[in-house]
Amino acid sequence: MTKVKVIRGDITKLEADAIVNAANNSLLGGGGVDGAIHRAAGPELLAECKTLKGCNTGDAKLTKGHNLPARFVIHTVGPVWRGGKNNENKLLASCYCKSLEVAEKNNLESIAFPNISTGIYGFPKDIAVVIAINEVNKFLKNSKVIKNIIFICFDEENYKLYESELAKYRYAQ
């Protein structure tokens, strides 16, 4: 059985096969989680990202982890919240699904997600957590590779939302 859990902490310090970067379309670094991951990984990450030629919203691409404890970084571009009438929910769901597909395709057993789109992109946290956990739950029904999924929250508000939503499911903690 796959273990799914939520923790509070810094994603750049987490040991996992892959951490997910809440990136912008250029993949060339930015603020929040994206900036922190780029700083911690070192300039080699930026150099590798330049070869990827960006990423569409809702999609995901893989790079090495470079100076991070994680072996790989899965970069995904979440939607900017524009009131919920511009496919934001579908695009956010796609971020989780595509990231999990990349992990599975590359035989990565552990993956850690930040709170995609809930920072500067303004996605409502309470809606985002339901989407994230629903997508993970749907994906795990057919997954044969992924053994550990971690939702890592930098702030207490997201942590409590994830903790509450995960309590509705039966996962080995």
N, C-alpha and C. Protein backbone atom coordinates (compact mmCIF):
# COMPACT_ATOMS: atom_id res chain seq x y z
N MET A 1 0.84 -1.19 0.00
CA MET A 1 0.00 0.00 0.00
C MET A 1 0.88 1.25 0.00
N THR A 2 0.51 2.22 -0.81
CA THR A 2 1.25 3.47 -0.87
C THR A 2 0.98 4.29 0.37
N LYS A 3 2.04 4.87 0.91
CA LYS A 3 1.92 5.76 2.05
C LYS A 3 1.73 7.18 1.53
N VAL A 4 0.72 7.86 2.05
CA VAL A 4 0.46 9.25 1.71
C VAL A 4 0.41 10.01 3.02
N LYS A 5 1.21 11.07 3.12
CA LYS A 5 1.22 11.83 4.37
C LYS A 5 1.47 13.29 4.10
N VAL A 6 1.22 14.09 5.11
CA VAL A 6 1.48 15.52 5.07
C VAL A 6 2.49 15.84 6.17
N ILE A 7 3.43 16.70 5.85
CA ILE A 7 4.40 17.18 6.84
C ILE A 7 4.57 18.68 6.68
N ARG A 8 5.08 19.31 7.72
CA ARG A 8 5.47 20.72 7.62
C ARG A 8 6.96 20.75 7.42
N GLY A 9 7.43 21.62 6.54
CA GLY A 9 8.86 21.71 6.35
C GLY A 9 9.26 22.42 5.08
N ASP A 10 10.53 22.26 4.76
CA ASP A 10 11.16 22.90 3.61
C ASP A 10 11.41 21.83 2.56
N ILE A 11 10.75 21.93 1.43
CA ILE A 11 10.86 20.92 0.37
C ILE A 11 12.29 20.77 -0.13
N THR A 12 13.10 21.82 -0.04
CA THR A 12 14.47 21.76 -0.55
C THR A 12 15.38 20.90 0.33
N LYS A 13 14.90 20.52 1.50
CA LYS A 13 15.71 19.70 2.41
C LYS A 13 15.22 18.25 2.45
N LEU A 14 14.20 17.94 1.69
CA LEU A 14 13.57 16.63 1.75
C LEU A 14 14.29 15.61 0.89
N GLU A 15 14.55 14.45 1.46
CA GLU A 15 15.12 13.34 0.69
C GLU A 15 13.96 12.53 0.11
N ALA A 16 13.94 12.48 -1.22
CA ALA A 16 12.91 11.72 -1.95
C ALA A 16 13.47 11.44 -3.32
N ASP A 17 12.87 10.51 -4.02
CA ASP A 17 13.28 10.31 -5.41
C ASP A 17 13.04 11.59 -6.20
N ALA A 18 11.89 12.26 -5.96
CA ALA A 18 11.58 13.50 -6.67
C ALA A 18 10.81 14.45 -5.78
N ILE A 19 11.12 15.73 -5.94
CA ILE A 19 10.28 16.77 -5.38
C ILE A 19 9.65 17.50 -6.56
N VAL A 20 8.48 18.03 -6.33
CA VAL A 20 7.78 18.77 -7.38
C VAL A 20 8.02 20.26 -7.17
N ASN A 21 8.35 20.92 -8.26
CA ASN A 21 8.56 22.35 -8.24
C ASN A 21 7.33 23.03 -8.82
N ALA A 22 6.75 23.94 -8.06
CA ALA A 22 5.64 24.77 -8.56
C ALA A 22 6.28 25.90 -9.36
N ALA A 23 6.52 25.62 -10.63
CA ALA A 23 7.30 26.49 -11.50
C ALA A 23 6.43 27.47 -12.29
N ASN A 24 7.11 28.39 -12.97
CA ASN A 24 6.43 29.24 -13.94
C ASN A 24 6.69 28.66 -15.33
N ASN A 25 6.05 29.20 -16.34
CA ASN A 25 6.13 28.63 -17.68
C ASN A 25 7.54 28.59 -18.26
N SER A 26 8.40 29.50 -17.84
CA SER A 26 9.77 29.53 -18.39
C SER A 26 10.65 28.43 -17.82
N LEU A 27 10.33 27.95 -16.61
CA LEU A 27 11.14 27.00 -15.84
C LEU A 27 12.49 27.58 -15.44
N LEU A 28 12.64 28.89 -15.52
CA LEU A 28 13.94 29.50 -15.26
C LEU A 28 14.04 30.14 -13.88
N GLY A 29 13.21 29.69 -12.97
CA GLY A 29 13.26 30.21 -11.61
C GLY A 29 12.27 31.34 -11.41
N GLY A 30 12.00 31.63 -10.18
CA GLY A 30 11.04 32.68 -9.84
C GLY A 30 11.03 32.87 -8.34
N GLY A 31 9.87 33.16 -7.79
CA GLY A 31 9.75 33.36 -6.35
C GLY A 31 9.22 32.12 -5.67
N GLY A 32 8.96 32.22 -4.40
CA GLY A 32 8.36 31.14 -3.62
C GLY A 32 9.12 29.83 -3.70
N VAL A 33 8.39 28.74 -3.84
CA VAL A 33 8.97 27.40 -3.92
C VAL A 33 9.96 27.31 -5.08
N ASP A 34 9.58 27.86 -6.22
CA ASP A 34 10.41 27.81 -7.42
C ASP A 34 11.79 28.43 -7.16
N GLY A 35 11.81 29.62 -6.60
CA GLY A 35 13.07 30.29 -6.30
C GLY A 35 13.89 29.52 -5.29
N ALA A 36 13.24 29.00 -4.26
CA ALA A 36 13.94 28.24 -3.22
C ALA A 36 14.59 26.98 -3.81
N ILE A 37 13.86 26.28 -4.67
CA ILE A 37 14.41 25.06 -5.28
C ILE A 37 15.59 25.41 -6.18
N HIS A 38 15.46 26.44 -6.98
CA HIS A 38 16.57 26.84 -7.85
C HIS A 38 17.80 27.24 -7.04
N ARG A 39 17.61 28.01 -5.97
CA ARG A 39 18.76 28.41 -5.13
C ARG A 39 19.44 27.20 -4.50
N ALA A 40 18.64 26.28 -3.97
CA ALA A 40 19.20 25.11 -3.28
C ALA A 40 19.85 24.13 -4.26
N ALA A 41 19.31 24.00 -5.46
CA ALA A 41 19.84 23.05 -6.44
C ALA A 41 21.12 23.55 -7.09
N GLY A 42 21.29 24.86 -7.14
CA GLY A 42 22.49 25.43 -7.74
C GLY A 42 22.29 25.76 -9.21
N PRO A 43 23.29 26.41 -9.81
CA PRO A 43 23.18 26.89 -11.19
C PRO A 43 23.02 25.79 -12.23
N GLU A 44 23.38 24.57 -11.89
CA GLU A 44 23.23 23.46 -12.84
C GLU A 44 21.76 23.21 -13.17
N LEU A 45 20.87 23.46 -12.19
CA LEU A 45 19.44 23.28 -12.44
C LEU A 45 18.96 24.28 -13.48
N LEU A 46 19.34 25.52 -13.34
CA LEU A 46 18.96 26.53 -14.32
C LEU A 46 19.47 26.16 -15.71
N ALA A 47 20.71 25.72 -15.78
CA ALA A 47 21.29 25.33 -17.08
C ALA A 47 20.49 24.19 -17.70
N GLU A 48 20.12 23.20 -16.90
CA GLU A 48 19.33 22.08 -17.44
C GLU A 48 17.93 22.55 -17.85
N CYS A 49 17.32 23.42 -17.04
CA CYS A 49 15.98 23.92 -17.36
C CYS A 49 15.97 24.69 -18.68
N LYS A 50 17.05 25.38 -18.98
CA LYS A 50 17.12 26.14 -20.24
C LYS A 50 16.99 25.21 -21.45
N THR A 51 17.40 23.96 -21.31
CA THR A 51 17.32 23.01 -22.42
C THR A 51 15.90 22.49 -22.64
N LEU A 52 15.01 22.69 -21.67
CA LEU A 52 13.64 22.16 -21.75
C LEU A 52 12.68 23.04 -22.52
N LYS A 53 13.07 24.27 -22.77
CA LYS A 53 12.25 25.21 -23.57
C LYS A 53 10.87 25.47 -22.94
N GLY A 54 10.85 25.60 -21.63
CA GLY A 54 9.62 25.95 -20.94
C GLY A 54 8.67 24.78 -20.73
N CYS A 55 7.49 25.11 -20.21
CA CYS A 55 6.49 24.09 -19.89
C CYS A 55 5.11 24.74 -19.90
N ASN A 56 4.15 24.05 -20.47
CA ASN A 56 2.78 24.57 -20.51
C ASN A 56 2.11 24.43 -19.15
N THR A 57 1.16 25.29 -18.87
CA THR A 57 0.38 25.19 -17.65
C THR A 57 -0.34 23.85 -17.62
N GLY A 58 -0.24 23.16 -16.49
CA GLY A 58 -0.87 21.85 -16.33
C GLY A 58 0.01 20.68 -16.74
N ASP A 59 1.19 20.96 -17.30
CA ASP A 59 2.10 19.90 -17.74
C ASP A 59 3.24 19.75 -16.73
N ALA A 60 4.13 18.79 -16.95
CA ALA A 60 5.25 18.55 -16.04
C ALA A 60 6.46 18.05 -16.82
N LYS A 61 7.65 18.45 -16.36
CA LYS A 61 8.91 18.02 -16.97
C LYS A 61 9.91 17.67 -15.88
N LEU A 62 10.84 16.78 -16.20
CA LEU A 62 11.78 16.23 -15.23
C LEU A 62 13.19 16.77 -15.45
N THR A 63 13.88 17.08 -14.33
CA THR A 63 15.31 17.38 -14.36
C THR A 63 15.97 16.63 -13.21
N LYS A 64 17.28 16.62 -13.22
CA LYS A 64 18.04 16.08 -12.08
C LYS A 64 17.87 17.02 -10.89
N GLY A 65 18.18 16.52 -9.72
CA GLY A 65 18.07 17.31 -8.50
C GLY A 65 19.30 18.17 -8.22
N HIS A 66 20.39 17.85 -8.87
CA HIS A 66 21.67 18.57 -8.71
C HIS A 66 22.06 18.64 -7.24
N ASN A 67 22.12 19.79 -6.60
CA ASN A 67 22.60 19.90 -5.22
C ASN A 67 21.51 19.65 -4.17
N LEU A 68 20.35 19.22 -4.58
CA LEU A 68 19.26 18.92 -3.64
C LEU A 68 19.42 17.51 -3.08
N PRO A 69 18.85 17.22 -1.91
CA PRO A 69 18.83 15.84 -1.42
C PRO A 69 17.96 14.94 -2.30
N ALA A 70 16.98 15.51 -2.99
CA ALA A 70 16.13 14.74 -3.91
C ALA A 70 16.91 14.44 -5.19
N ARG A 71 16.70 13.25 -5.73
CA ARG A 71 17.42 12.85 -6.95
C ARG A 71 16.94 13.61 -8.18
N PHE A 72 15.65 13.94 -8.20
CA PHE A 72 15.06 14.60 -9.36
C PHE A 72 14.12 15.72 -8.92
N VAL A 73 13.86 16.63 -9.87
CA VAL A 73 12.84 17.66 -9.69
C VAL A 73 11.85 17.50 -10.84
N ILE A 74 10.58 17.43 -10.48
CA ILE A 74 9.52 17.43 -11.48
C ILE A 74 8.93 18.83 -11.45
N HIS A 75 9.09 19.55 -12.55
CA HIS A 75 8.61 20.92 -12.65
C HIS A 75 7.21 20.90 -13.24
N THR A 76 6.27 21.54 -12.56
CA THR A 76 4.91 21.64 -13.08
C THR A 76 4.45 23.08 -12.96
N VAL A 77 3.65 23.50 -13.90
CA VAL A 77 3.18 24.88 -13.93
C VAL A 77 1.70 24.92 -13.60
N GLY A 78 1.41 25.45 -12.42
CA GLY A 78 0.03 25.57 -11.98
C GLY A 78 -0.65 26.79 -12.58
N PRO A 79 -1.97 26.80 -12.53
CA PRO A 79 -2.72 27.93 -13.08
C PRO A 79 -2.76 29.11 -12.11
N VAL A 80 -2.85 30.29 -12.68
CA VAL A 80 -3.15 31.49 -11.90
C VAL A 80 -4.66 31.51 -11.69
N TRP A 81 -5.08 31.77 -10.46
CA TRP A 81 -6.51 31.81 -10.15
C TRP A 81 -7.11 33.08 -10.74
N ARG A 82 -8.13 32.91 -11.56
CA ARG A 82 -8.84 34.04 -12.18
C ARG A 82 -10.34 33.93 -11.92
N GLY A 83 -10.68 33.47 -10.72
CA GLY A 83 -12.08 33.38 -10.34
C GLY A 83 -12.71 32.01 -10.52
N GLY A 84 -11.98 31.07 -11.09
CA GLY A 84 -12.48 29.71 -11.21
C GLY A 84 -13.25 29.40 -12.48
N LYS A 85 -13.32 30.33 -13.39
CA LYS A 85 -14.09 30.12 -14.62
C LYS A 85 -13.21 29.95 -15.85
N ASN A 86 -11.92 29.72 -15.65
CA ASN A 86 -10.97 29.59 -16.75
C ASN A 86 -10.21 28.26 -16.70
N ASN A 87 -10.92 27.20 -16.36
CA ASN A 87 -10.34 25.85 -16.29
C ASN A 87 -9.26 25.70 -15.22
N GLU A 88 -9.26 26.57 -14.22
CA GLU A 88 -8.22 26.50 -13.20
C GLU A 88 -8.21 25.16 -12.47
N ASN A 89 -9.40 24.64 -12.11
CA ASN A 89 -9.46 23.37 -11.40
C ASN A 89 -8.89 22.24 -12.25
N LYS A 90 -9.27 22.21 -13.51
CA LYS A 90 -8.79 21.17 -14.42
C LYS A 90 -7.28 21.27 -14.62
N LEU A 91 -6.77 22.48 -14.75
CA LEU A 91 -5.33 22.67 -14.94
C LEU A 91 -4.54 22.27 -13.69
N LEU A 92 -5.07 22.60 -12.50
CA LEU A 92 -4.39 22.20 -11.28
C LEU A 92 -4.40 20.68 -11.14
N ALA A 93 -5.52 20.05 -11.42
CA ALA A 93 -5.60 18.59 -11.37
C ALA A 93 -4.57 17.97 -12.32
N SER A 94 -4.43 18.56 -13.48
CA SER A 94 -3.47 18.07 -14.47
C SER A 94 -2.04 18.16 -13.94
N CYS A 95 -1.72 19.20 -13.17
CA CYS A 95 -0.38 19.32 -12.58
C CYS A 95 -0.04 18.10 -11.73
N TYR A 96 -0.97 17.68 -10.90
CA TYR A 96 -0.74 16.51 -10.04
C TYR A 96 -0.68 15.23 -10.87
N CYS A 97 -1.60 15.07 -11.78
CA CYS A 97 -1.65 13.87 -12.61
C CYS A 97 -0.38 13.75 -13.46
N LYS A 98 -0.01 14.81 -14.15
CA LYS A 98 1.18 14.78 -15.02
C LYS A 98 2.45 14.55 -14.20
N SER A 99 2.55 15.14 -13.03
CA SER A 99 3.72 14.93 -12.17
C SER A 99 3.82 13.47 -11.74
N LEU A 100 2.69 12.88 -11.37
CA LEU A 100 2.68 11.47 -11.00
C LEU A 100 3.01 10.57 -12.19
N GLU A 101 2.52 10.93 -13.37
CA GLU A 101 2.86 10.17 -14.57
C GLU A 101 4.36 10.21 -14.86
N VAL A 102 4.97 11.38 -14.70
CA VAL A 102 6.42 11.51 -14.90
C VAL A 102 7.16 10.64 -13.89
N ALA A 103 6.73 10.66 -12.64
CA ALA A 103 7.37 9.84 -11.60
C ALA A 103 7.25 8.35 -11.94
N GLU A 104 6.06 7.93 -12.31
CA GLU A 104 5.82 6.52 -12.63
C GLU A 104 6.66 6.09 -13.84
N LYS A 105 6.66 6.91 -14.87
CA LYS A 105 7.40 6.60 -16.10
C LYS A 105 8.90 6.45 -15.83
N ASN A 106 9.41 7.16 -14.83
CA ASN A 106 10.83 7.13 -14.51
C ASN A 106 11.14 6.23 -13.30
N ASN A 107 10.17 5.40 -12.92
CA ASN A 107 10.33 4.43 -11.82
C ASN A 107 10.75 5.09 -10.51
N LEU A 108 10.16 6.24 -10.22
CA LEU A 108 10.45 6.94 -8.97
C LEU A 108 9.43 6.49 -7.93
N GLU A 109 9.90 6.03 -6.80
CA GLU A 109 9.02 5.46 -5.78
C GLU A 109 8.49 6.48 -4.79
N SER A 110 9.20 7.60 -4.62
CA SER A 110 8.75 8.60 -3.66
C SER A 110 8.73 9.98 -4.31
N ILE A 111 7.67 10.71 -4.02
CA ILE A 111 7.47 12.03 -4.60
C ILE A 111 6.87 12.96 -3.55
N ALA A 112 7.36 14.20 -3.54
CA ALA A 112 6.86 15.19 -2.59
C ALA A 112 6.30 16.39 -3.34
N PHE A 113 5.11 16.80 -2.95
CA PHE A 113 4.42 17.93 -3.58
C PHE A 113 4.37 19.13 -2.65
N PRO A 114 4.64 20.33 -3.18
CA PRO A 114 4.33 21.54 -2.43
C PRO A 114 2.86 21.88 -2.67
N ASN A 115 2.43 23.03 -2.19
CA ASN A 115 1.06 23.48 -2.38
C ASN A 115 0.99 24.28 -3.68
N ILE A 116 0.79 23.59 -4.78
CA ILE A 116 0.86 24.19 -6.12
C ILE A 116 -0.22 25.25 -6.32
N SER A 117 0.20 26.41 -6.80
CA SER A 117 -0.65 27.55 -7.18
C SER A 117 -1.30 28.31 -6.02
N THR A 118 -1.04 27.93 -4.77
CA THR A 118 -1.73 28.58 -3.65
C THR A 118 -0.99 29.79 -3.10
N GLY A 119 0.18 30.08 -3.63
CA GLY A 119 0.93 31.26 -3.19
C GLY A 119 0.56 32.46 -4.05
N ILE A 120 1.54 32.99 -4.74
CA ILE A 120 1.34 34.19 -5.56
C ILE A 120 0.31 33.98 -6.67
N TYR A 121 0.07 32.71 -7.09
CA TYR A 121 -0.91 32.45 -8.13
C TYR A 121 -2.35 32.52 -7.61
N GLY A 122 -2.51 32.61 -6.28
CA GLY A 122 -3.80 32.92 -5.68
C GLY A 122 -4.88 31.87 -5.68
N PHE A 123 -4.53 30.61 -5.96
CA PHE A 123 -5.55 29.54 -5.96
C PHE A 123 -6.05 29.36 -4.53
N PRO A 124 -7.36 29.33 -4.31
CA PRO A 124 -7.87 29.13 -2.95
C PRO A 124 -7.37 27.81 -2.36
N LYS A 125 -6.78 27.89 -1.18
CA LYS A 125 -6.14 26.74 -0.56
C LYS A 125 -7.12 25.60 -0.29
N ASP A 126 -8.33 25.94 0.14
CA ASP A 126 -9.30 24.89 0.47
C ASP A 126 -9.74 24.10 -0.76
N ILE A 127 -9.80 24.75 -1.90
CA ILE A 127 -10.15 24.06 -3.15
C ILE A 127 -8.95 23.26 -3.66
N ALA A 128 -7.77 23.86 -3.57
CA ALA A 128 -6.56 23.22 -4.07
C ALA A 128 -6.26 21.91 -3.34
N VAL A 129 -6.47 21.87 -2.04
CA VAL A 129 -6.17 20.65 -1.28
C VAL A 129 -7.08 19.49 -1.71
N VAL A 130 -8.33 19.77 -1.96
CA VAL A 130 -9.27 18.72 -2.39
C VAL A 130 -8.85 18.20 -3.76
N ILE A 131 -8.50 19.10 -4.65
CA ILE A 131 -8.05 18.69 -5.99
C ILE A 131 -6.80 17.82 -5.89
N ALA A 132 -5.82 18.26 -5.10
CA ALA A 132 -4.56 17.53 -4.97
C ALA A 132 -4.78 16.11 -4.46
N ILE A 133 -5.53 15.98 -3.40
CA ILE A 133 -5.74 14.66 -2.80
C ILE A 133 -6.62 13.78 -3.68
N ASN A 134 -7.61 14.36 -4.33
CA ASN A 134 -8.43 13.58 -5.26
C ASN A 134 -7.60 13.03 -6.41
N GLU A 135 -6.72 13.85 -6.97
CA GLU A 135 -5.89 13.40 -8.10
C GLU A 135 -4.94 12.29 -7.66
N VAL A 136 -4.34 12.44 -6.50
CA VAL A 136 -3.44 11.40 -5.98
C VAL A 136 -4.23 10.12 -5.76
N ASN A 137 -5.39 10.22 -5.17
CA ASN A 137 -6.22 9.05 -4.90
C ASN A 137 -6.60 8.33 -6.20
N LYS A 138 -7.00 9.08 -7.21
CA LYS A 138 -7.35 8.47 -8.51
C LYS A 138 -6.14 7.78 -9.14
N PHE A 139 -4.99 8.46 -9.09
CA PHE A 139 -3.79 7.92 -9.72
C PHE A 139 -3.33 6.62 -9.04
N LEU A 140 -3.42 6.59 -7.73
CA LEU A 140 -2.92 5.43 -6.99
C LEU A 140 -3.72 4.16 -7.23
N LYS A 141 -4.91 4.27 -7.75
CA LYS A 141 -5.72 3.08 -8.03
C LYS A 141 -5.05 2.18 -9.07
N ASN A 142 -4.22 2.76 -9.93
CA ASN A 142 -3.56 1.97 -10.98
C ASN A 142 -2.04 2.01 -10.92
N SER A 143 -1.49 2.69 -9.94
CA SER A 143 -0.03 2.83 -9.85
C SER A 143 0.60 1.56 -9.30
N LYS A 144 1.70 1.17 -9.92
CA LYS A 144 2.43 0.00 -9.44
C LYS A 144 3.83 0.37 -8.97
N VAL A 145 4.22 1.62 -9.12
CA VAL A 145 5.59 2.05 -8.84
C VAL A 145 5.68 2.91 -7.57
N ILE A 146 4.81 3.90 -7.47
CA ILE A 146 4.93 4.89 -6.40
C ILE A 146 4.54 4.29 -5.05
N LYS A 147 5.45 4.45 -4.09
CA LYS A 147 5.25 3.87 -2.76
C LYS A 147 5.04 4.92 -1.66
N ASN A 148 5.55 6.13 -1.89
CA ASN A 148 5.42 7.20 -0.89
C ASN A 148 5.09 8.53 -1.56
N ILE A 149 4.03 9.17 -1.07
CA ILE A 149 3.67 10.51 -1.52
C ILE A 149 3.62 11.40 -0.29
N ILE A 150 4.31 12.51 -0.40
CA ILE A 150 4.35 13.47 0.71
C ILE A 150 3.82 14.80 0.21
N PHE A 151 2.89 15.36 0.96
CA PHE A 151 2.50 16.75 0.75
C PHE A 151 3.28 17.53 1.80
N ILE A 152 4.16 18.41 1.35
CA ILE A 152 4.99 19.16 2.28
C ILE A 152 4.54 20.61 2.28
N CYS A 153 4.13 21.07 3.44
CA CYS A 153 3.56 22.41 3.60
C CYS A 153 4.52 23.30 4.37
N PHE A 154 4.73 24.47 3.82
CA PHE A 154 5.62 25.44 4.48
C PHE A 154 4.87 26.19 5.58
N ASP A 155 3.56 26.36 5.41
CA ASP A 155 2.78 27.14 6.37
C ASP A 155 1.76 26.27 7.11
N GLU A 156 1.37 26.73 8.25
CA GLU A 156 0.45 26.00 9.13
C GLU A 156 -0.95 25.87 8.51
N GLU A 157 -1.42 26.90 7.82
CA GLU A 157 -2.76 26.86 7.24
C GLU A 157 -2.89 25.71 6.24
N ASN A 158 -1.95 25.60 5.30
CA ASN A 158 -2.00 24.50 4.34
C ASN A 158 -1.85 23.16 5.04
N TYR A 159 -0.96 23.08 6.01
CA TYR A 159 -0.75 21.83 6.74
C TYR A 159 -2.06 21.33 7.35
N LYS A 160 -2.78 22.22 8.02
CA LYS A 160 -4.04 21.82 8.67
C LYS A 160 -5.09 21.40 7.64
N LEU A 161 -5.14 22.10 6.51
CA LEU A 161 -6.08 21.72 5.45
C LEU A 161 -5.78 20.33 4.91
N TYR A 162 -4.50 20.05 4.65
CA TYR A 162 -4.12 18.72 4.14
C TYR A 162 -4.36 17.65 5.19
N GLU A 163 -4.01 17.93 6.42
CA GLU A 163 -4.21 16.96 7.49
C GLU A 163 -5.69 16.59 7.61
N SER A 164 -6.55 17.58 7.55
CA SER A 164 -7.99 17.36 7.65
C SER A 164 -8.52 16.56 6.46
N GLU A 165 -8.09 16.91 5.26
CA GLU A 165 -8.57 16.22 4.05
C GLU A 165 -8.04 14.79 3.99
N LEU A 166 -6.78 14.59 4.34
CA LEU A 166 -6.19 13.23 4.32
C LEU A 166 -6.86 12.30 5.33
N ALA A 167 -7.38 12.87 6.40
CA ALA A 167 -8.05 12.05 7.43
C ALA A 167 -9.28 11.33 6.86
N LYS A 168 -9.79 11.81 5.73
CA LYS A 168 -10.96 11.19 5.12
C LYS A 168 -10.61 9.91 4.35
N TYR A 169 -9.33 9.69 4.14
CA TYR A 169 -8.86 8.53 3.36
C TYR A 169 -8.10 7.59 4.27
N ARG A 170 -7.99 6.34 3.84
CA ARG A 170 -7.24 5.34 4.61
C ARG A 170 -5.90 5.09 3.93
N TYR A 171 -4.88 5.77 4.41
CA TYR A 171 -3.54 5.57 3.90
C TYR A 171 -2.65 5.11 5.04
N ALA A 172 -1.69 4.26 4.71
CA ALA A 172 -0.71 3.85 5.71
C ALA A 172 0.21 5.04 5.96
N GLN A 173 0.23 5.52 7.17
CA GLN A 173 1.02 6.72 7.49
C GLN A 173 2.46 6.39 7.81
